[in-house]
N, C-alpha and C. Protein backbone atom coordinates (compact mmCIF):
# COMPACT_ATOMS: atom_id res chain seq x y z
N MET A 1 -2.94 12.22 -1.09
CA MET A 1 -3.87 11.93 -0.29
C MET A 1 -3.20 10.87 0.35
N LYS A 2 -3.33 10.72 1.66
CA LYS A 2 -2.44 9.87 2.66
C LYS A 2 -3.52 8.97 3.08
N PHE A 3 -3.19 7.70 3.44
CA PHE A 3 -4.01 7.03 4.19
C PHE A 3 -3.09 6.14 5.45
N LEU A 4 -3.87 5.65 6.40
CA LEU A 4 -3.67 4.87 7.40
C LEU A 4 -4.62 3.56 7.36
N ALA A 5 -4.15 2.50 7.11
CA ALA A 5 -5.00 1.41 6.91
C ALA A 5 -4.89 0.37 8.18
N ASP A 6 -6.44 -0.01 8.76
CA ASP A 6 -6.45 -0.53 9.93
C ASP A 6 -5.84 -1.95 9.99
N ALA A 7 -5.60 -2.42 10.91
CA ALA A 7 -4.67 -3.98 11.05
C ALA A 7 -5.52 -4.92 10.13
N MET A 8 -6.60 -5.18 9.87
CA MET A 8 -7.15 -5.96 9.06
C MET A 8 -7.11 -5.75 7.55
N LEU A 9 -6.11 -4.80 7.20
CA LEU A 9 -6.33 -4.35 5.81
C LEU A 9 -5.08 -4.30 5.10
N GLY A 10 -4.24 -5.25 5.60
CA GLY A 10 -2.66 -5.38 5.10
C GLY A 10 -2.66 -5.40 3.54
N LYS A 11 -3.57 -6.44 2.92
CA LYS A 11 -3.27 -6.69 1.32
C LYS A 11 -3.81 -5.26 0.59
N LEU A 12 -4.89 -4.85 1.12
CA LEU A 12 -5.31 -3.43 0.68
C LEU A 12 -4.07 -2.20 0.60
N ALA A 13 -3.46 -2.21 1.89
CA ALA A 13 -2.56 -1.19 1.99
C ALA A 13 -1.35 -1.50 0.98
N ARG A 14 -0.90 -2.68 0.65
CA ARG A 14 0.27 -3.03 -0.14
C ARG A 14 -0.21 -2.73 -1.62
N ILE A 15 -1.55 -3.08 -2.08
CA ILE A 15 -1.85 -2.85 -3.36
C ILE A 15 -2.12 -1.39 -3.29
N LEU A 16 -2.58 -0.64 -2.40
CA LEU A 16 -2.61 0.98 -2.72
C LEU A 16 -1.14 1.26 -2.98
N ARG A 17 -0.13 1.03 -2.07
CA ARG A 17 1.43 1.49 -2.18
C ARG A 17 1.64 1.13 -3.90
N ILE A 18 1.25 0.07 -4.08
CA ILE A 18 1.87 -0.40 -5.96
C ILE A 18 1.37 0.75 -6.45
N PHE A 19 0.32 1.33 -6.27
CA PHE A 19 -0.89 2.23 -7.32
C PHE A 19 0.00 3.64 -6.90
N GLY A 20 0.97 3.65 -5.93
CA GLY A 20 1.72 4.98 -5.63
C GLY A 20 0.99 5.61 -4.25
N TYR A 21 -0.09 5.16 -3.63
CA TYR A 21 -0.51 6.15 -2.58
C TYR A 21 0.20 5.59 -1.26
N ASP A 22 0.64 6.59 -0.52
CA ASP A 22 1.04 6.73 0.65
C ASP A 22 0.06 6.25 1.86
N VAL A 23 0.41 4.78 1.96
CA VAL A 23 -0.49 4.22 3.22
C VAL A 23 0.38 3.56 4.13
N ILE A 24 0.29 4.18 5.28
CA ILE A 24 0.86 3.55 6.70
C ILE A 24 -0.15 2.23 7.08
N TYR A 25 0.21 1.11 7.51
CA TYR A 25 -0.56 0.09 7.88
C TYR A 25 -0.29 0.05 9.32
N ALA A 26 -1.38 0.11 10.14
CA ALA A 26 -1.47 0.09 11.15
C ALA A 26 -0.46 -1.16 12.18
N ASN A 27 -0.43 -2.28 11.67
CA ASN A 27 0.95 -3.16 12.12
C ASN A 27 2.24 -2.65 12.18
N ASP A 28 2.28 -1.62 11.13
CA ASP A 28 3.87 -1.27 11.15
C ASP A 28 4.03 -0.14 11.96
N LEU A 29 2.92 0.10 12.70
CA LEU A 29 3.21 1.07 13.83
C LEU A 29 3.65 0.53 15.15
N GLU A 30 3.70 -0.88 15.14
CA GLU A 30 3.53 -1.61 16.38
C GLU A 30 5.07 -1.17 17.18
N GLU A 31 6.25 -1.14 16.54
CA GLU A 31 7.27 -0.70 16.60
C GLU A 31 7.38 0.52 17.34
N TYR A 32 6.92 1.31 16.35
CA TYR A 32 6.99 2.85 16.58
C TYR A 32 6.46 3.29 17.94
N PHE A 33 5.13 2.30 18.55
CA PHE A 33 4.62 2.68 19.84
C PHE A 33 4.79 1.68 20.78
N LYS A 34 5.93 0.71 20.34
CA LYS A 34 6.26 -0.22 21.16
C LYS A 34 4.82 -0.95 21.84
N LEU A 35 3.84 -1.29 21.10
CA LEU A 35 2.58 -1.78 21.50
C LEU A 35 2.11 -2.84 20.25
N ALA A 36 1.40 -3.89 20.87
CA ALA A 36 0.85 -4.94 19.99
C ALA A 36 -0.35 -5.56 20.30
N PRO A 37 -1.46 -5.23 19.80
CA PRO A 37 -1.64 -4.00 18.51
C PRO A 37 -1.74 -2.82 18.95
N VAL A 38 -1.79 -1.80 18.14
CA VAL A 38 -1.95 -0.51 18.43
C VAL A 38 -3.14 -0.28 18.64
N PRO A 39 -3.42 0.63 19.88
CA PRO A 39 -4.94 0.81 20.20
C PRO A 39 -5.27 1.78 19.39
N ASP A 40 -6.86 1.77 18.95
CA ASP A 40 -7.50 2.65 18.11
C ASP A 40 -7.21 4.04 18.44
N ASP A 41 -7.09 4.66 19.70
CA ASP A 41 -6.93 5.85 19.94
C ASP A 41 -5.61 6.55 19.67
N LYS A 42 -4.17 5.79 19.73
CA LYS A 42 -3.02 5.89 19.24
C LYS A 42 -3.32 6.08 17.36
N LEU A 43 -4.01 5.20 16.99
CA LEU A 43 -3.94 5.07 15.47
C LEU A 43 -4.78 6.67 15.17
N LYS A 44 -5.79 6.90 15.79
CA LYS A 44 -6.28 8.06 15.50
C LYS A 44 -5.44 9.26 15.70
N ASP A 45 -4.87 9.43 16.53
CA ASP A 45 -3.89 10.54 16.91
C ASP A 45 -3.08 10.49 15.81
N TYR A 46 -2.18 9.52 15.39
CA TYR A 46 -1.10 9.46 14.32
C TYR A 46 -1.76 9.77 13.06
N ALA A 47 -2.94 9.57 12.61
CA ALA A 47 -3.53 9.82 11.66
C ALA A 47 -3.65 11.04 11.49
N GLU A 48 -4.32 11.66 12.66
CA GLU A 48 -4.42 13.30 12.69
C GLU A 48 -3.25 13.95 12.72
N GLU A 49 -2.23 13.76 13.46
CA GLU A 49 -0.86 14.19 13.33
C GLU A 49 -0.16 14.28 11.90
N SER A 50 -0.44 13.24 11.13
CA SER A 50 0.01 13.17 9.93
C SER A 50 -0.71 13.30 8.79
N LYS A 51 -1.64 13.73 9.08
CA LYS A 51 -2.90 14.00 8.38
C LYS A 51 -3.66 13.05 7.22
N ARG A 52 -3.68 12.04 7.65
CA ARG A 52 -4.06 10.80 7.01
C ARG A 52 -5.49 10.25 6.94
N ILE A 53 -6.09 9.57 6.23
CA ILE A 53 -7.52 9.44 6.21
C ILE A 53 -7.15 7.68 6.57
N ILE A 54 -8.16 7.48 7.65
CA ILE A 54 -8.19 6.10 8.19
C ILE A 54 -9.11 5.51 7.39
N ILE A 55 -8.85 4.05 6.93
CA ILE A 55 -9.40 3.16 6.22
C ILE A 55 -9.67 2.11 7.25
N THR A 56 -10.93 1.82 7.54
CA THR A 56 -11.20 0.62 8.52
C THR A 56 -12.42 0.00 8.28
N LYS A 57 -12.19 -1.35 8.93
CA LYS A 57 -13.57 -2.33 9.06
C LYS A 57 -14.38 -2.48 9.94
N ASP A 58 -13.72 -1.58 10.80
CA ASP A 58 -14.02 -1.84 12.46
C ASP A 58 -15.06 -0.58 12.79
N LEU A 59 -16.32 -1.13 12.63
CA LEU A 59 -17.41 -0.27 12.61
C LEU A 59 -17.42 0.65 14.07
N PRO A 60 -17.38 0.17 15.17
CA PRO A 60 -17.24 1.17 16.57
C PRO A 60 -15.94 2.16 16.36
N PHE A 61 -14.92 1.74 15.57
CA PHE A 61 -13.94 2.90 15.81
C PHE A 61 -14.26 3.74 14.67
N PHE A 62 -14.89 3.12 13.59
CA PHE A 62 -15.27 4.19 12.34
C PHE A 62 -16.14 5.20 13.25
N ASN A 63 -17.08 4.88 13.85
CA ASN A 63 -18.20 5.63 14.53
C ASN A 63 -17.62 6.87 15.54
N ARG A 64 -16.08 6.90 15.97
CA ARG A 64 -15.58 7.73 16.62
C ARG A 64 -14.67 8.62 15.79
N ILE A 65 -14.52 8.17 14.53
CA ILE A 65 -13.43 8.85 13.65
C ILE A 65 -14.25 9.23 12.09
N LYS A 66 -15.48 9.60 12.26
CA LYS A 66 -16.23 9.65 10.96
C LYS A 66 -15.67 10.63 10.46
N ASP A 67 -15.54 11.60 10.59
CA ASP A 67 -15.05 12.75 9.76
C ASP A 67 -13.55 12.54 9.12
N LYS A 68 -12.96 11.69 9.68
CA LYS A 68 -11.65 11.23 9.37
C LYS A 68 -11.16 10.23 9.10
N GLY A 69 -12.14 9.38 8.31
CA GLY A 69 -11.97 7.83 7.88
C GLY A 69 -13.23 7.59 7.17
N ILE A 70 -12.91 6.04 6.55
CA ILE A 70 -13.64 5.63 5.74
C ILE A 70 -14.05 4.28 6.14
N TYR A 71 -15.46 3.92 6.17
CA TYR A 71 -15.56 2.21 6.54
C TYR A 71 -15.89 1.75 5.39
N LEU A 72 -14.98 0.56 5.22
CA LEU A 72 -15.35 -0.58 4.31
C LEU A 72 -16.44 -1.51 4.74
N GLU A 73 -17.22 -1.82 3.52
CA GLU A 73 -18.18 -2.45 3.68
C GLU A 73 -17.83 -3.79 3.00
N GLY A 74 -18.62 -5.18 3.75
CA GLY A 74 -18.28 -6.37 2.74
C GLY A 74 -16.83 -7.25 2.82
N GLU A 75 -16.37 -7.71 2.00
CA GLU A 75 -15.25 -8.44 2.18
C GLU A 75 -14.60 -8.42 0.40
N GLY A 76 -13.54 -8.45 0.62
CA GLY A 76 -12.65 -8.47 -0.81
C GLY A 76 -11.64 -7.09 -0.99
N VAL A 77 -10.76 -7.41 -1.28
CA VAL A 77 -9.77 -6.23 -1.58
C VAL A 77 -10.20 -5.45 -2.81
N TYR A 78 -10.58 -6.17 -3.91
CA TYR A 78 -11.19 -5.37 -4.92
C TYR A 78 -12.39 -4.73 -4.56
N ASN A 79 -13.38 -5.07 -4.02
CA ASN A 79 -14.35 -4.55 -3.33
C ASN A 79 -13.79 -3.29 -2.66
N TYR A 80 -13.01 -3.20 -1.58
CA TYR A 80 -12.33 -2.09 -1.07
C TYR A 80 -11.66 -1.09 -1.81
N LEU A 81 -11.29 -1.63 -2.87
CA LEU A 81 -10.65 -0.84 -3.96
C LEU A 81 -11.97 0.06 -4.34
N TYR A 82 -12.82 -0.41 -4.92
CA TYR A 82 -13.62 0.09 -5.61
C TYR A 82 -14.41 1.20 -4.74
N GLN A 83 -14.72 0.70 -3.42
CA GLN A 83 -15.11 1.70 -2.45
C GLN A 83 -14.25 3.10 -2.33
N LEU A 84 -13.22 2.69 -2.22
CA LEU A 84 -12.11 4.18 -2.26
C LEU A 84 -12.11 4.71 -3.32
N LYS A 85 -12.32 4.26 -4.58
CA LYS A 85 -12.37 4.73 -5.79
C LYS A 85 -13.89 5.77 -5.84
N ALA A 86 -14.77 5.21 -5.33
CA ALA A 86 -15.95 5.90 -5.42
C ALA A 86 -16.07 7.17 -4.53
N LYS A 87 -15.48 7.08 -3.23
CA LYS A 87 -15.53 7.67 -2.35
C LYS A 87 -14.36 8.83 -2.78
N PHE A 88 -12.91 8.50 -2.96
CA PHE A 88 -12.38 9.68 -3.25
C PHE A 88 -11.50 10.01 -4.74
N ASN A 89 -12.50 8.97 -5.59
CA ASN A 89 -11.87 9.08 -6.76
C ASN A 89 -10.59 9.04 -7.31
N LEU A 90 -10.08 7.99 -6.56
CA LEU A 90 -8.88 7.28 -6.69
C LEU A 90 -8.67 6.57 -8.36
N LYS A 91 -7.33 6.93 -8.42
CA LYS A 91 -6.82 6.35 -10.03
C LYS A 91 -5.99 5.08 -9.62
N PHE A 92 -6.14 4.09 -10.32
CA PHE A 92 -5.49 2.85 -10.47
C PHE A 92 -4.80 2.85 -11.27
N GLU A 93 -3.83 3.56 -11.73
CA GLU A 93 -2.94 3.65 -12.92
C GLU A 93 -1.53 3.16 -12.58
N PHE A 94 -0.81 1.99 -13.02
CA PHE A 94 0.16 1.42 -12.48
C PHE A 94 1.40 2.40 -13.07
N ASP A 95 2.40 3.05 -12.41
CA ASP A 95 3.72 3.59 -12.86
C ASP A 95 4.95 3.54 -11.94
N LEU A 96 5.53 2.48 -12.45
CA LEU A 96 6.70 1.82 -11.92
C LEU A 96 7.40 2.92 -10.89
N TYR A 97 7.76 4.16 -11.60
CA TYR A 97 8.21 5.12 -11.15
C TYR A 97 7.48 6.06 -10.05
N SER A 98 6.35 5.49 -9.82
CA SER A 98 5.40 6.45 -9.10
C SER A 98 5.01 5.50 -7.75
N ALA A 99 5.27 4.19 -8.03
CA ALA A 99 4.85 3.21 -6.90
C ALA A 99 5.67 3.72 -5.72
N ARG A 100 5.47 3.16 -4.59
CA ARG A 100 5.98 2.95 -3.27
C ARG A 100 6.04 1.32 -3.14
N CYS A 101 7.02 1.24 -1.97
CA CYS A 101 7.51 0.12 -1.48
C CYS A 101 6.31 -0.68 -1.17
N SER A 102 5.79 -1.53 -1.35
CA SER A 102 4.52 -2.53 -0.74
C SER A 102 4.95 -3.03 0.66
N VAL A 103 6.20 -3.23 0.86
CA VAL A 103 6.59 -3.48 2.38
C VAL A 103 6.75 -2.52 3.43
N CYS A 104 7.27 -1.51 3.05
CA CYS A 104 7.73 -0.32 4.21
C CYS A 104 7.13 1.21 3.62
N ASN A 105 6.54 0.86 2.53
CA ASN A 105 5.75 2.43 2.14
C ASN A 105 6.73 3.59 1.82
N HIS A 106 8.19 2.97 1.58
CA HIS A 106 9.09 4.27 1.19
C HIS A 106 8.94 4.45 -0.31
N LEU A 107 9.61 5.66 -0.91
CA LEU A 107 9.64 5.77 -2.13
C LEU A 107 10.82 4.70 -2.97
N LEU A 108 10.39 4.59 -4.22
CA LEU A 108 11.51 3.76 -4.95
C LEU A 108 12.36 4.63 -6.02
N LYS A 109 13.38 3.99 -6.06
CA LYS A 109 14.26 4.83 -7.21
C LYS A 109 14.73 3.72 -8.31
N LYS A 110 14.92 3.97 -9.28
CA LYS A 110 15.15 3.20 -10.34
C LYS A 110 17.06 2.86 -10.56
N VAL A 111 16.94 1.66 -10.75
CA VAL A 111 18.13 0.79 -10.63
C VAL A 111 18.83 1.14 -11.80
N ALA A 112 20.20 1.98 -11.89
CA ALA A 112 20.77 2.34 -13.02
C ALA A 112 21.60 1.06 -13.50
N ASP A 113 22.35 0.23 -12.75
CA ASP A 113 23.00 -0.73 -13.29
C ASP A 113 22.13 -1.87 -12.63
N LYS A 114 21.63 -2.69 -13.53
CA LYS A 114 20.75 -4.09 -12.89
C LYS A 114 21.45 -5.15 -12.52
N ASN A 115 22.73 -5.02 -13.06
CA ASN A 115 23.61 -5.93 -12.26
C ASN A 115 23.91 -5.84 -11.00
N SER A 116 23.55 -4.44 -10.42
CA SER A 116 23.81 -4.61 -8.80
C SER A 116 22.53 -5.09 -7.97
N ILE A 117 21.75 -5.55 -8.64
CA ILE A 117 20.77 -6.17 -7.82
C ILE A 117 20.54 -7.63 -8.21
N GLN A 118 21.36 -8.26 -8.98
CA GLN A 118 21.33 -9.75 -9.61
C GLN A 118 21.22 -10.81 -8.62
N ASP A 119 21.46 -10.29 -7.51
CA ASP A 119 21.62 -11.27 -6.33
C ASP A 119 20.25 -11.01 -5.45
N LYS A 120 19.39 -10.10 -5.90
CA LYS A 120 18.32 -9.87 -5.07
C LYS A 120 16.92 -10.09 -5.93
N VAL A 121 17.12 -10.95 -6.99
CA VAL A 121 15.87 -11.43 -7.67
C VAL A 121 16.34 -12.86 -8.35
N GLN A 122 15.19 -13.47 -8.87
CA GLN A 122 15.69 -14.72 -9.45
C GLN A 122 16.27 -14.96 -10.85
N ALA A 123 17.16 -15.54 -11.38
CA ALA A 123 17.76 -15.57 -12.21
C ALA A 123 16.68 -15.29 -13.61
N ASP A 124 15.62 -15.76 -13.79
CA ASP A 124 14.64 -15.67 -14.74
C ASP A 124 14.03 -14.08 -14.82
N THR A 125 13.80 -13.72 -13.54
CA THR A 125 13.53 -12.38 -13.46
C THR A 125 14.43 -11.40 -14.15
N PHE A 126 15.81 -11.79 -13.48
CA PHE A 126 16.80 -10.80 -13.87
C PHE A 126 17.12 -10.72 -15.53
N ASN A 127 17.03 -12.15 -16.18
CA ASN A 127 17.35 -12.37 -17.59
C ASN A 127 15.97 -11.56 -18.35
N TYR A 128 14.76 -11.72 -17.93
CA TYR A 128 13.75 -11.37 -18.67
C TYR A 128 13.48 -9.93 -18.57
N TYR A 129 13.46 -9.04 -17.67
CA TYR A 129 13.30 -8.09 -17.36
C TYR A 129 14.44 -7.05 -17.04
N ASP A 130 14.46 -5.89 -17.85
CA ASP A 130 15.69 -4.73 -17.78
C ASP A 130 15.44 -3.65 -16.87
N VAL A 131 14.10 -3.51 -16.56
CA VAL A 131 13.97 -2.36 -15.69
C VAL A 131 13.43 -2.50 -14.62
N PHE A 132 14.02 -1.94 -13.27
CA PHE A 132 13.95 -2.27 -11.84
C PHE A 132 13.98 -0.98 -11.01
N VAL A 133 13.34 -0.97 -10.23
CA VAL A 133 13.30 0.13 -8.88
C VAL A 133 13.49 -0.39 -7.92
N GLN A 134 14.26 0.24 -6.86
CA GLN A 134 14.55 -0.26 -5.16
C GLN A 134 14.00 0.43 -4.43
N CYS A 135 13.71 -0.14 -3.17
CA CYS A 135 13.39 0.74 -2.09
C CYS A 135 14.37 1.44 -1.48
N ILE A 136 14.13 2.70 -1.25
CA ILE A 136 15.25 3.66 -0.78
C ILE A 136 15.34 3.52 0.78
N ASN A 137 14.41 2.85 1.47
CA ASN A 137 14.88 2.60 2.93
C ASN A 137 16.17 1.34 2.92
N PRO A 138 17.30 2.07 3.76
CA PRO A 138 18.17 1.34 3.55
C PRO A 138 17.93 -0.02 4.32
N LEU A 139 16.87 -0.13 5.33
CA LEU A 139 16.82 -1.26 6.03
C LEU A 139 15.68 -2.30 5.19
N CYS A 140 15.34 -2.07 4.01
CA CYS A 140 14.50 -3.06 3.17
C CYS A 140 15.38 -3.21 1.86
N LYS A 141 15.20 -2.18 1.01
CA LYS A 141 15.91 -2.23 -0.08
C LYS A 141 15.47 -3.14 -1.28
N LYS A 142 13.88 -3.65 -1.10
CA LYS A 142 13.37 -4.58 -1.93
C LYS A 142 13.28 -3.79 -3.39
N VAL A 143 13.18 -5.02 -3.97
CA VAL A 143 13.69 -4.85 -5.76
C VAL A 143 12.03 -5.12 -6.37
N TYR A 144 11.55 -4.13 -7.31
CA TYR A 144 10.43 -4.23 -8.12
C TYR A 144 10.81 -4.02 -9.35
N TRP A 145 9.71 -4.68 -10.26
CA TRP A 145 9.82 -4.68 -11.71
C TRP A 145 8.28 -4.68 -12.36
N LYS A 146 8.02 -4.39 -13.33
CA LYS A 146 6.46 -4.38 -13.75
C LYS A 146 6.20 -5.75 -14.49
N GLY A 147 6.07 -6.68 -13.49
CA GLY A 147 5.77 -8.15 -13.85
C GLY A 147 4.03 -8.50 -13.97
N THR A 148 3.94 -9.80 -14.21
CA THR A 148 2.71 -10.10 -14.75
C THR A 148 1.65 -10.03 -13.46
N HIS A 149 2.18 -9.81 -12.26
CA HIS A 149 0.97 -9.57 -11.32
C HIS A 149 0.29 -8.33 -11.15
N ILE A 150 1.25 -7.33 -11.99
CA ILE A 150 0.62 -6.12 -12.16
C ILE A 150 -0.56 -6.10 -13.32
N GLU A 151 0.07 -6.58 -14.27
CA GLU A 151 -1.10 -6.83 -15.31
C GLU A 151 -2.37 -7.56 -14.69
N ASP A 152 -2.15 -8.64 -13.72
CA ASP A 152 -3.36 -9.25 -13.29
C ASP A 152 -4.19 -8.31 -12.39
N ILE A 153 -3.66 -7.23 -11.65
CA ILE A 153 -4.27 -6.69 -10.56
C ILE A 153 -4.95 -5.55 -11.62
N LEU A 154 -4.66 -5.07 -12.83
CA LEU A 154 -4.92 -3.89 -13.41
C LEU A 154 -6.38 -4.73 -14.11
N LYS A 155 -6.04 -5.65 -14.91
CA LYS A 155 -7.24 -6.86 -15.27
C LYS A 155 -8.24 -6.97 -14.51
N ILE A 156 -8.05 -7.24 -13.22
CA ILE A 156 -9.31 -7.57 -12.59
C ILE A 156 -9.73 -6.20 -12.03
N LEU A 157 -9.33 -5.25 -12.02
CA LEU A 157 -9.50 -3.82 -11.51
C LEU A 157 -10.69 -3.27 -12.87
N LYS A 158 -10.05 -3.77 -13.98
CA LYS A 158 -11.05 -3.03 -14.97
C LYS A 158 -12.37 -3.96 -15.23
N GLU A 159 -12.31 -5.30 -14.56
CA GLU A 159 -13.74 -6.16 -14.86
C GLU A 159 -14.28 -6.15 -13.57
N PHE A 160 -13.88 -5.49 -12.45
CA PHE A 160 -14.43 -5.65 -11.39
C PHE A 160 -15.63 -4.57 -11.24
N SER A 161 -17.02 -5.38 -10.79
CA SER A 161 -17.97 -4.35 -10.74
C SER A 161 -18.81 -5.03 -9.27
N PRO A 162 -18.99 -4.05 -8.50
CA PRO A 162 -19.41 -4.72 -7.41
C PRO A 162 -21.09 -4.95 -7.29
């Protein structure tokens, strides 16, 4: 299942990526289209061509793409995650090797030699963690690990009830 998150849903896009979902964020398409902001019609066409479900909080936009999207109500990223889980039966189980880059949406690969990324993470992180993954996008190369922020997200998701 692939998504396109509308411009006001950047935090949601990042969290969905952490859980391994392929999510294009509308603002990331500004360079592709050479337009800022990207017009709704271009987002609609892009989503259709790439077979993505549009996630939006823009009701007029949603009314034009009802069969190709979901309209999120209320506020808060955990509320939005709950709505997506209810609508699409999404699973929010973290696996470091299935996660996607939260910045650029590319796949991640295991870092074979942690010394190769020593200059990309803080010393405490480098010393405390042994397993790292890195974005395969040569323009990004962001490094990730299963830190306490992941546990915090999972805990809130378990406790959250709308």
